[in-house]
Amino acid sequence: MNEALVRLVAGRFESFTAPFLNEPGDTFAYALKVDHTKRVHDLAQAIATAEGFPEHLLLAARLAALMHDVGRFPQYRRFRTFRDKDSANHAALSVQHLLREKMLADVPAPTRRLVLGAVYLHNMRSLPSLPSPELLTVARAIRDSDKLDIYQVMIEHFAQKEQLHPEVALDVKDEPLAYSENVLDDLLRGEPGNYQKIVYVNDFKLMTIGWLYDLNYQASCRMLAERGYLDTLFDSMPRHEPLLALRRQITADLARRLEGA
């Protein structure tokens, strides 16, 4: 039953995104989000399974992963940017279109509420206090899986000699030695990065490195360590002492997370 429901909702996602992929011109941004969504689903399923989610929460996590970025498509069509502060809150747009298009029809009401809640919450800098432990469980899984895939997307993007699609990194300035001290200071205090503060490519890298402080599950931290994303990002940045100090801190903090401390 659950697998059939996941396939049904995945088919609706494909039907929703097909017109965007068939638009004339460059459809790179849309294809990027389709591929991202599929990988986030797989990551959410892996995290939820590793953490022993009960079956109904595993289902909610998988469906929320499939639906979390639906709003990115109308956002980019209208504004030609993925930067929420310059356009619209893509999580709120996702909820709006999920309801308008009835993309969660046939999903039981309790699960549908969890999916809508997790989608709405997935892009907040930090989660608010939530009255529902089940919503908190699902929202955390979606946030972790989303971040884990963005690490890969950003590393591949920044490895290009010529960045043909600057919208991937929110059109930040490509100045190889520059970074913002207020972004670095947040991380040194053990706080996640803030999209509102980033100006340079290195700010974006620092922000993603700081996501360690917003990962919720040990399985997520294990995936982060196994894939070497943090080392790859640090190796691509200037060898300035403040950044080296941050690297030592992050390395120690990740080790503690992996030990369950």
C-alpha atoms as a PDB file:
ATOM      1  CA  MET A   1       0.000   0.000   0.000  1.00  0.00           C
ATOM      2  CA  ASN A   2       2.693   2.494   0.988  1.00  0.00           C
ATOM      3  CA  GLU A   3       4.825   1.776  -2.083  1.00  0.00           C
ATOM      4  CA  ALA A   4       1.818   2.254  -4.347  1.00  0.00           C
ATOM      5  CA  LEU A   5       1.064   5.578  -2.673  1.00  0.00           C
ATOM      6  CA  VAL A   6       4.668   6.752  -3.073  1.00  0.00           C
ATOM      7  CA  ARG A   7       4.554   5.817  -6.771  1.00  0.00           C
ATOM      8  CA  LEU A   8       1.253   7.677  -7.184  1.00  0.00           C
ATOM      9  CA  VAL A   9       2.585  10.879  -5.610  1.00  0.00           C
ATOM     10  CA  ALA A  10       5.886  10.581  -7.497  1.00  0.00           C
ATOM     11  CA  GLY A  11       3.880  10.364 -10.719  1.00  0.00           C
ATOM     12  CA  ARG A  12       2.024  13.538  -9.815  1.00  0.00           C
ATOM     13  CA  PHE A  13       5.345  15.272  -9.191  1.00  0.00           C
ATOM     14  CA  GLU A  14       6.519  14.212 -12.641  1.00  0.00           C
ATOM     15  CA  SER A  15       3.280  15.442 -14.238  1.00  0.00           C
ATOM     16  CA  PHE A  16       3.580  18.779 -12.427  1.00  0.00           C
ATOM     17  CA  THR A  17       7.202  19.339 -13.492  1.00  0.00           C
ATOM     18  CA  ALA A  18       6.886  18.103 -17.100  1.00  0.00           C
ATOM     19  CA  PRO A  19       5.612  21.430 -18.534  1.00  0.00           C
ATOM     20  CA  PHE A  20       8.575  23.266 -16.994  1.00  0.00           C
ATOM     21  CA  LEU A  21      11.040  20.796 -18.480  1.00  0.00           C
ATOM     22  CA  ASN A  22       9.394  21.216 -21.881  1.00  0.00           C
ATOM     23  CA  GLU A  23       9.604  25.007 -21.951  1.00  0.00           C
ATOM     24  CA  PRO A  24      11.685  26.449 -24.796  1.00  0.00           C
ATOM     25  CA  GLY A  25      15.193  27.598 -23.913  1.00  0.00           C
ATOM     26  CA  ASP A  26      17.463  26.612 -21.064  1.00  0.00           C
ATOM     27  CA  THR A  27      15.715  24.175 -18.716  1.00  0.00           C
ATOM     28  CA  PHE A  28      18.829  23.472 -16.616  1.00  0.00           C
ATOM     29  CA  ALA A  29      17.383  24.991 -13.436  1.00  0.00           C
ATOM     30  CA  TYR A  30      14.248  22.868 -13.635  1.00  0.00           C
ATOM     31  CA  ALA A  31      16.147  19.653 -14.378  1.00  0.00           C
ATOM     32  CA  LEU A  32      18.444  20.435 -11.458  1.00  0.00           C
ATOM     33  CA  LYS A  33      15.485  20.521  -9.071  1.00  0.00           C
ATOM     34  CA  VAL A  34      13.920  17.361 -10.479  1.00  0.00           C
ATOM     35  CA  ASP A  35      17.159  15.446  -9.966  1.00  0.00           C
ATOM     36  CA  HIS A  36      17.632  17.010  -6.527  1.00  0.00           C
ATOM     37  CA  THR A  37      14.147  15.916  -5.472  1.00  0.00           C
ATOM     38  CA  LYS A  38      14.766  12.314  -6.462  1.00  0.00           C
ATOM     39  CA  ARG A  39      18.012  12.182  -4.494  1.00  0.00           C
ATOM     40  CA  VAL A  40      16.427  13.858  -1.456  1.00  0.00           C
ATOM     41  CA  HIS A  41      13.732  11.187  -1.490  1.00  0.00           C
ATOM     42  CA  ASP A  42      16.360   8.445  -1.452  1.00  0.00           C
ATOM     43  CA  LEU A  43      18.280  10.170   1.349  1.00  0.00           C
ATOM     44  CA  ALA A  44      15.139  10.694   3.429  1.00  0.00           C
ATOM     45  CA  GLN A  45      14.229   7.037   3.022  1.00  0.00           C
ATOM     46  CA  ALA A  46      17.755   5.989   4.050  1.00  0.00           C
ATOM     47  CA  ILE A  47      17.812   8.271   7.105  1.00  0.00           C
ATOM     48  CA  ALA A  48      14.337   7.278   8.254  1.00  0.00           C
ATOM     49  CA  THR A  49      15.150   3.596   7.840  1.00  0.00           C
ATOM     50  CA  ALA A  50      18.480   3.882   9.666  1.00  0.00           C
ATOM     51  CA  GLU A  51      16.824   5.756  12.516  1.00  0.00           C
ATOM     52  CA  GLY A  52      14.060   3.182  12.843  1.00  0.00           C
ATOM     53  CA  PHE A  53      11.080   5.379  11.959  1.00  0.00           C
ATOM     54  CA  PRO A  54       7.729   3.605  12.297  1.00  0.00           C
ATOM     55  CA  GLU A  55       6.127   2.813   8.948  1.00  0.00           C
ATOM     56  CA  HIS A  56       3.715   5.770   8.904  1.00  0.00           C
ATOM     57  CA  LEU A  57       6.505   8.274   9.575  1.00  0.00           C
ATOM     58  CA  LEU A  58       8.749   6.645   6.962  1.00  0.00           C
ATOM     59  CA  LEU A  59       5.911   7.124   4.467  1.00  0.00           C
ATOM     60  CA  ALA A  60       5.424  10.760   5.499  1.00  0.00           C
ATOM     61  CA  ALA A  61       9.158  11.446   5.156  1.00  0.00           C
ATOM     62  CA  ARG A  62       9.279   9.947   1.668  1.00  0.00           C
ATOM     63  CA  LEU A  63       6.240  11.900   0.489  1.00  0.00           C
ATOM     64  CA  ALA A  64       7.493  15.155   2.005  1.00  0.00           C
ATOM     65  CA  ALA A  65      10.853  14.656   0.300  1.00  0.00           C
ATOM     66  CA  LEU A  66       9.105  14.250  -3.054  1.00  0.00           C
ATOM     67  CA  MET A  67       7.049  17.396  -2.506  1.00  0.00           C
ATOM     68  CA  HIS A  68       9.449  19.709  -0.645  1.00  0.00           C
ATOM     69  CA  ASP A  69      10.603  21.742  -3.659  1.00  0.00           C
ATOM     70  CA  VAL A  70       7.459  21.846  -5.788  1.00  0.00           C
ATOM     71  CA  GLY A  71       7.417  25.621  -5.256  1.00  0.00           C
ATOM     72  CA  ARG A  72      10.853  26.005  -6.850  1.00  0.00           C
ATOM     73  CA  PHE A  73       9.368  25.539 -10.316  1.00  0.00           C
ATOM     74  CA  PRO A  74       6.821  28.399 -10.321  1.00  0.00           C
ATOM     75  CA  GLN A  75       9.340  30.457  -8.321  1.00  0.00           C
ATOM     76  CA  TYR A  76      12.002  30.174 -11.010  1.00  0.00           C
ATOM     77  CA  ARG A  77       9.528  30.620 -13.870  1.00  0.00           C
ATOM     78  CA  ARG A  78       8.327  33.923 -12.427  1.00  0.00           C
ATOM     79  CA  PHE A  79      11.448  35.375 -10.825  1.00  0.00           C
ATOM     80  CA  ARG A  80      14.390  33.591 -12.513  1.00  0.00           C
ATOM     81  CA  THR A  81      16.050  33.092  -9.157  1.00  0.00           C
ATOM     82  CA  PHE A  82      16.097  30.558  -6.322  1.00  0.00           C
ATOM     83  CA  ARG A  83      16.867  33.271  -3.783  1.00  0.00           C
ATOM     84  CA  ASP A  84      13.773  33.445  -1.592  1.00  0.00           C
ATOM     85  CA  LYS A  85      14.437  36.920  -0.229  1.00  0.00           C
ATOM     86  CA  ASP A  86      14.439  38.284  -3.795  1.00  0.00           C
ATOM     87  CA  SER A  87      11.328  36.381  -4.877  1.00  0.00           C
ATOM     88  CA  ALA A  88       9.024  34.300  -2.686  1.00  0.00           C
ATOM     89  CA  ASN A  89       9.239  31.705   0.072  1.00  0.00           C
ATOM     90  CA  HIS A  90       9.532  28.509  -1.954  1.00  0.00           C
ATOM     91  CA  ALA A  91       8.335  26.312   0.918  1.00  0.00           C
ATOM     92  CA  ALA A  92       5.104  28.294   1.200  1.00  0.00           C
ATOM     93  CA  LEU A  93       4.758  28.129  -2.598  1.00  0.00           C
ATOM     94  CA  SER A  94       5.179  24.355  -2.392  1.00  0.00           C
ATOM     95  CA  VAL A  95       2.314  24.037   0.086  1.00  0.00           C
ATOM     96  CA  GLN A  96       0.168  26.347  -2.017  1.00  0.00           C
ATOM     97  CA  HIS A  97       0.648  24.296  -5.194  1.00  0.00           C
ATOM     98  CA  LEU A  98       0.309  20.950  -3.408  1.00  0.00           C
ATOM     99  CA  LEU A  99      -3.117  22.027  -2.229  1.00  0.00           C
ATOM    100  CA  ARG A 100      -4.131  23.713  -5.477  1.00  0.00           C
ATOM    101  CA  GLU A 101      -3.131  20.751  -7.654  1.00  0.00           C
ATOM    102  CA  LYS A 102      -4.416  18.152  -5.153  1.00  0.00           C
ATOM    103  CA  MET A 103      -1.060  16.388  -5.351  1.00  0.00           C
ATOM    104  CA  LEU A 104      -1.635  14.684  -2.000  1.00  0.00           C
ATOM    105  CA  ALA A 105      -5.112  13.384  -2.818  1.00  0.00           C
ATOM    106  CA  ASP A 106      -5.533   9.786  -1.620  1.00  0.00           C
ATOM    107  CA  VAL A 107      -2.968  10.337   1.139  1.00  0.00           C
ATOM    108  CA  PRO A 108      -4.601   9.698   4.555  1.00  0.00           C
ATOM    109  CA  ALA A 109      -5.366  12.957   6.361  1.00  0.00           C
ATOM    110  CA  PRO A 110      -2.937  12.438   9.306  1.00  0.00           C
ATOM    111  CA  THR A 111      -0.080  11.691   6.898  1.00  0.00           C
ATOM    112  CA  ARG A 112      -1.071  14.566   4.627  1.00  0.00           C
ATOM    113  CA  ARG A 113      -0.853  16.990   7.556  1.00  0.00           C
ATOM    114  CA  LEU A 114       2.633  15.734   8.407  1.00  0.00           C
ATOM    115  CA  VAL A 115       3.751  16.108   4.792  1.00  0.00           C
ATOM    116  CA  LEU A 116       2.405  19.644   4.443  1.00  0.00           C
ATOM    117  CA  GLY A 117       3.938  20.662   7.759  1.00  0.00           C
ATOM    118  CA  ALA A 118       7.352  19.208   6.939  1.00  0.00           C
ATOM    119  CA  VAL A 119       7.351  20.858   3.506  1.00  0.00           C
ATOM    120  CA  TYR A 120       6.467  24.228   5.008  1.00  0.00           C
ATOM    121  CA  LEU A 121       9.186  23.942   7.651  1.00  0.00           C
ATOM    122  CA  HIS A 122      12.000  22.544   5.531  1.00  0.00           C
ATOM    123  CA  ASN A 123      13.697  25.849   4.584  1.00  0.00           C
ATOM    124  CA  MET A 124      13.522  27.662   7.926  1.00  0.00           C
ATOM    125  CA  ARG A 125      16.862  28.593   9.411  1.00  0.00           C
ATOM    126  CA  SER A 126      15.883  26.687  12.552  1.00  0.00           C
ATOM    127  CA  LEU A 127      12.788  24.801  13.558  1.00  0.00           C
ATOM    128  CA  PRO A 128      10.347  26.486  15.943  1.00  0.00           C
ATOM    129  CA  SER A 129       8.902  24.699  18.945  1.00  0.00           C
ATOM    130  CA  LEU A 130       6.414  22.174  17.586  1.00  0.00           C
ATOM    131  CA  PRO A 131       3.519  20.603  19.500  1.00  0.00           C
ATOM    132  CA  SER A 132       3.675  17.411  17.425  1.00  0.00           C
ATOM    133  CA  PRO A 133       6.604  15.027  18.026  1.00  0.00           C
ATOM    134  CA  GLU A 134       5.712  13.207  14.813  1.00  0.00           C
ATOM    135  CA  LEU A 135       5.892  16.405  12.735  1.00  0.00           C
ATOM    136  CA  LEU A 136       9.227  17.229  14.349  1.00  0.00           C
ATOM    137  CA  THR A 137      10.554  13.772  13.450  1.00  0.00           C
ATOM    138  CA  VAL A 138       9.537  14.084   9.787  1.00  0.00           C
ATOM    139  CA  ALA A 139      10.597  17.723   9.420  1.00  0.00           C
ATOM    140  CA  ARG A 140      14.054  16.924  10.770  1.00  0.00           C
ATOM    141  CA  ALA A 141      14.474  14.086   8.288  1.00  0.00           C
ATOM    142  CA  ILE A 142      13.527  16.313   5.338  1.00  0.00           C
ATOM    143  CA  ARG A 143      15.838  19.098   6.446  1.00  0.00           C
ATOM    144  CA  ASP A 144      18.740  16.673   6.837  1.00  0.00           C
ATOM    145  CA  SER A 145      18.215  14.951   3.494  1.00  0.00           C
ATOM    146  CA  ASP A 146      17.797  18.281   1.694  1.00  0.00           C
ATOM    147  CA  LYS A 147      21.057  19.599   3.127  1.00  0.00           C
ATOM    148  CA  LEU A 148      22.991  16.415   2.401  1.00  0.00           C
ATOM    149  CA  ASP A 149      22.105  16.597  -1.270  1.00  0.00           C
ATOM    150  CA  ILE A 150      22.814  20.328  -1.541  1.00  0.00           C
ATOM    151  CA  TYR A 151      26.370  19.596  -0.359  1.00  0.00           C
ATOM    152  CA  GLN A 152      26.859  17.441  -3.436  1.00  0.00           C
ATOM    153  CA  VAL A 153      25.172  19.924  -5.781  1.00  0.00           C
ATOM    154  CA  MET A 154      27.299  22.819  -4.524  1.00  0.00           C
ATOM    155  CA  ILE A 155      30.579  20.908  -4.623  1.00  0.00           C
ATOM    156  CA  GLU A 156      29.938  19.902  -8.234  1.00  0.00           C
ATOM    157  CA  HIS A 157      28.927  23.465  -9.096  1.00  0.00           C
ATOM    158  CA  PHE A 158      31.974  25.114  -7.538  1.00  0.00           C
ATOM    159  CA  ALA A 159      34.316  22.568  -9.173  1.00  0.00           C
ATOM    160  CA  GLN A 160      33.437  23.944 -12.621  1.00  0.00           C
ATOM    161  CA  LYS A 161      36.051  26.179 -14.234  1.00  0.00           C
ATOM    162  CA  GLU A 162      33.287  28.328 -15.660  1.00  0.00           C
ATOM    163  CA  GLN A 163      30.069  28.510 -13.675  1.00  0.00           C
ATOM    164  CA  LEU A 164      27.506  28.732 -16.427  1.00  0.00           C
ATOM    165  CA  HIS A 165      24.559  28.740 -14.040  1.00  0.00           C
ATOM    166  CA  PRO A 166      25.263  31.140 -11.141  1.00  0.00           C
ATOM    167  CA  GLU A 167      21.644  30.800 -10.003  1.00  0.00           C
ATOM    168  CA  VAL A 168      22.619  27.429  -8.496  1.00  0.00           C
ATOM    169  CA  ALA A 169      24.552  29.285  -5.777  1.00  0.00           C
ATOM    170  CA  LEU A 170      22.099  32.188  -5.583  1.00  0.00           C
ATOM    171  CA  ASP A 171      24.272  34.446  -7.787  1.00  0.00           C
ATOM    172  CA  VAL A 172      26.907  35.048  -5.094  1.00  0.00           C
ATOM    173  CA  LYS A 173      30.110  36.915  -6.009  1.00  0.00           C
ATOM    174  CA  ASP A 174      32.953  34.733  -7.248  1.00  0.00           C
ATOM    175  CA  GLU A 175      35.951  36.275  -5.464  1.00  0.00           C
ATOM    176  CA  PRO A 176      38.205  33.322  -4.487  1.00  0.00           C
ATOM    177  CA  LEU A 177      39.834  34.912  -1.410  1.00  0.00           C
ATOM    178  CA  ALA A 178      36.845  36.819  -0.041  1.00  0.00           C
ATOM    179  CA  TYR A 179      34.525  35.777   2.749  1.00  0.00           C
ATOM    180  CA  SER A 180      32.318  37.631   5.232  1.00  0.00           C
ATOM    181  CA  GLU A 181      33.459  37.693   8.841  1.00  0.00           C
ATOM    182  CA  ASN A 182      29.903  37.703  10.174  1.00  0.00           C
ATOM    183  CA  VAL A 183      29.231  34.422   8.336  1.00  0.00           C
ATOM    184  CA  LEU A 184      32.394  32.901   9.800  1.00  0.00           C
ATOM    185  CA  ASP A 185      31.560  34.221  13.284  1.00  0.00           C
ATOM    186  CA  ASP A 186      28.191  32.405  13.271  1.00  0.00           C
ATOM    187  CA  LEU A 187      29.937  29.100  12.659  1.00  0.00           C
ATOM    188  CA  LEU A 188      32.626  29.723  15.264  1.00  0.00           C
ATOM    189  CA  ARG A 189      29.766  30.153  17.766  1.00  0.00           C
ATOM    190  CA  GLY A 190      28.357  26.788  16.696  1.00  0.00           C
ATOM    191  CA  GLU A 191      25.405  28.275  14.831  1.00  0.00           C
ATOM    192  CA  PRO A 192      24.142  27.282  11.356  1.00  0.00           C
ATOM    193  CA  GLY A 193      24.841  29.621   8.464  1.00  0.00           C
ATOM    194  CA  ASN A 194      22.326  32.208   7.331  1.00  0.00           C
ATOM    195  CA  TYR A 195      21.268  32.666   3.700  1.00  0.00           C
ATOM    196  CA  GLN A 196      20.562  36.329   4.424  1.00  0.00           C
ATOM    197  CA  LYS A 197      24.226  37.078   5.105  1.00  0.00           C
ATOM    198  CA  ILE A 198      26.013  35.399   2.216  1.00  0.00           C
ATOM    199  CA  VAL A 199      27.743  37.590  -0.372  1.00  0.00           C
ATOM    200  CA  TYR A 200      30.658  35.544  -1.749  1.00  0.00           C
ATOM    201  CA  VAL A 201      31.228  31.996  -2.986  1.00  0.00           C
ATOM    202  CA  ASN A 202      33.184  31.277   0.194  1.00  0.00           C
ATOM    203  CA  ASP A 203      30.244  32.514   2.272  1.00  0.00           C
ATOM    204  CA  PHE A 204      28.069  29.908   0.580  1.00  0.00           C
ATOM    205  CA  LYS A 205      30.671  27.238   1.323  1.00  0.00           C
ATOM    206  CA  LEU A 206      30.874  28.358   4.940  1.00  0.00           C
ATOM    207  CA  MET A 207      27.098  28.302   5.254  1.00  0.00           C
ATOM    208  CA  THR A 208      26.923  24.727   4.010  1.00  0.00           C
ATOM    209  CA  ILE A 209      29.768  23.692   6.322  1.00  0.00           C
ATOM    210  CA  GLY A 210      27.794  25.178   9.211  1.00  0.00           C
ATOM    211  CA  TRP A 211      24.836  22.952   8.406  1.00  0.00           C
ATOM    212  CA  LEU A 212      26.593  20.397  10.590  1.00  0.00           C
ATOM    213  CA  TYR A 213      25.063  22.320  13.506  1.00  0.00           C
ATOM    214  CA  ASP A 214      21.578  21.790  12.107  1.00  0.00           C
ATOM    215  CA  LEU A 215      21.788  18.085  11.265  1.00  0.00           C
ATOM    216  CA  ASN A 216      19.383  16.191  13.465  1.00  0.00           C
ATOM    217  CA  TYR A 217      20.192  12.506  13.131  1.00  0.00           C
ATOM    218  CA  GLN A 218      23.316  10.476  13.701  1.00  0.00           C
ATOM    219  CA  ALA A 219      22.655   8.696  10.400  1.00  0.00           C
ATOM    220  CA  SER A 220      22.850  12.083   8.665  1.00  0.00           C
ATOM    221  CA  CYS A 221      26.161  12.896  10.333  1.00  0.00           C
ATOM    222  CA  ARG A 222      27.498   9.501   9.341  1.00  0.00           C
ATOM    223  CA  MET A 223      26.567  10.112   5.698  1.00  0.00           C
ATOM    224  CA  LEU A 224      28.210  13.530   5.843  1.00  0.00           C
ATOM    225  CA  ALA A 225      31.432  12.027   7.180  1.00  0.00           C
ATOM    226  CA  GLU A 226      31.474   9.089   4.772  1.00  0.00           C
ATOM    227  CA  ARG A 227      31.108  11.344   1.740  1.00  0.00           C
ATOM    228  CA  GLY A 228      33.864  13.728   2.807  1.00  0.00           C
ATOM    229  CA  TYR A 229      31.890  16.840   1.909  1.00  0.00           C
ATOM    230  CA  LEU A 230      33.328  19.020   4.679  1.00  0.00           C
ATOM    231  CA  ASP A 231      36.945  18.242   3.765  1.00  0.00           C
ATOM    232  CA  THR A 232      36.203  18.915   0.095  1.00  0.00           C
ATOM    233  CA  LEU A 233      34.729  22.321   0.913  1.00  0.00           C
ATOM    234  CA  PHE A 234      37.542  23.316   3.271  1.00  0.00           C
ATOM    235  CA  ASP A 235      40.175  22.196   0.743  1.00  0.00           C
ATOM    236  CA  SER A 236      38.646  24.571  -1.822  1.00  0.00           C
ATOM    237  CA  MET A 237      38.914  27.639   0.449  1.00  0.00           C
ATOM    238  CA  PRO A 238      41.835  29.944   1.351  1.00  0.00           C
ATOM    239  CA  ARG A 239      44.238  28.618   3.979  1.00  0.00           C
ATOM    240  CA  HIS A 240      43.668  31.566   6.283  1.00  0.00           C
ATOM    241  CA  GLU A 241      44.096  30.934   9.995  1.00  0.00           C
ATOM    242  CA  PRO A 242      40.472  31.817  10.929  1.00  0.00           C
ATOM    243  CA  LEU A 243      39.271  29.231   8.393  1.00  0.00           C
ATOM    244  CA  LEU A 244      41.797  26.671   9.612  1.00  0.00           C
ATOM    245  CA  ALA A 245      40.572  27.259  13.171  1.00  0.00           C
ATOM    246  CA  LEU A 246      37.024  26.659  12.018  1.00  0.00           C
ATOM    247  CA  ARG A 247      38.117  23.452  10.288  1.00  0.00           C
ATOM    248  CA  ARG A 248      39.616  22.131  13.509  1.00  0.00           C
ATOM    249  CA  GLN A 249      36.422  23.009  15.392  1.00  0.00           C
ATOM    250  CA  ILE A 250      34.128  21.438  12.789  1.00  0.00           C
ATOM    251  CA  THR A 251      36.237  18.268  12.616  1.00  0.00           C
ATOM    252  CA  ALA A 252      36.065  17.868  16.393  1.00  0.00           C
ATOM    253  CA  ASP A 253      32.346  18.617  16.539  1.00  0.00           C
ATOM    254  CA  LEU A 254      31.550  16.087  13.792  1.00  0.00           C
ATOM    255  CA  ALA A 255      33.594  13.444  15.634  1.00  0.00           C
ATOM    256  CA  ARG A 256      31.575  14.098  18.785  1.00  0.00           C
ATOM    257  CA  ARG A 257      28.314  13.788  16.851  1.00  0.00           C
ATOM    258  CA  LEU A 258      29.416  10.468  15.406  1.00  0.00           C
ATOM    259  CA  GLU A 259      30.232   9.189  18.893  1.00  0.00           C
ATOM    260  CA  GLY A 260      26.729  10.154  20.004  1.00  0.00           C
ATOM    261  CA  ALA A 261      27.887  12.868  22.388  1.00  0.00           C
END
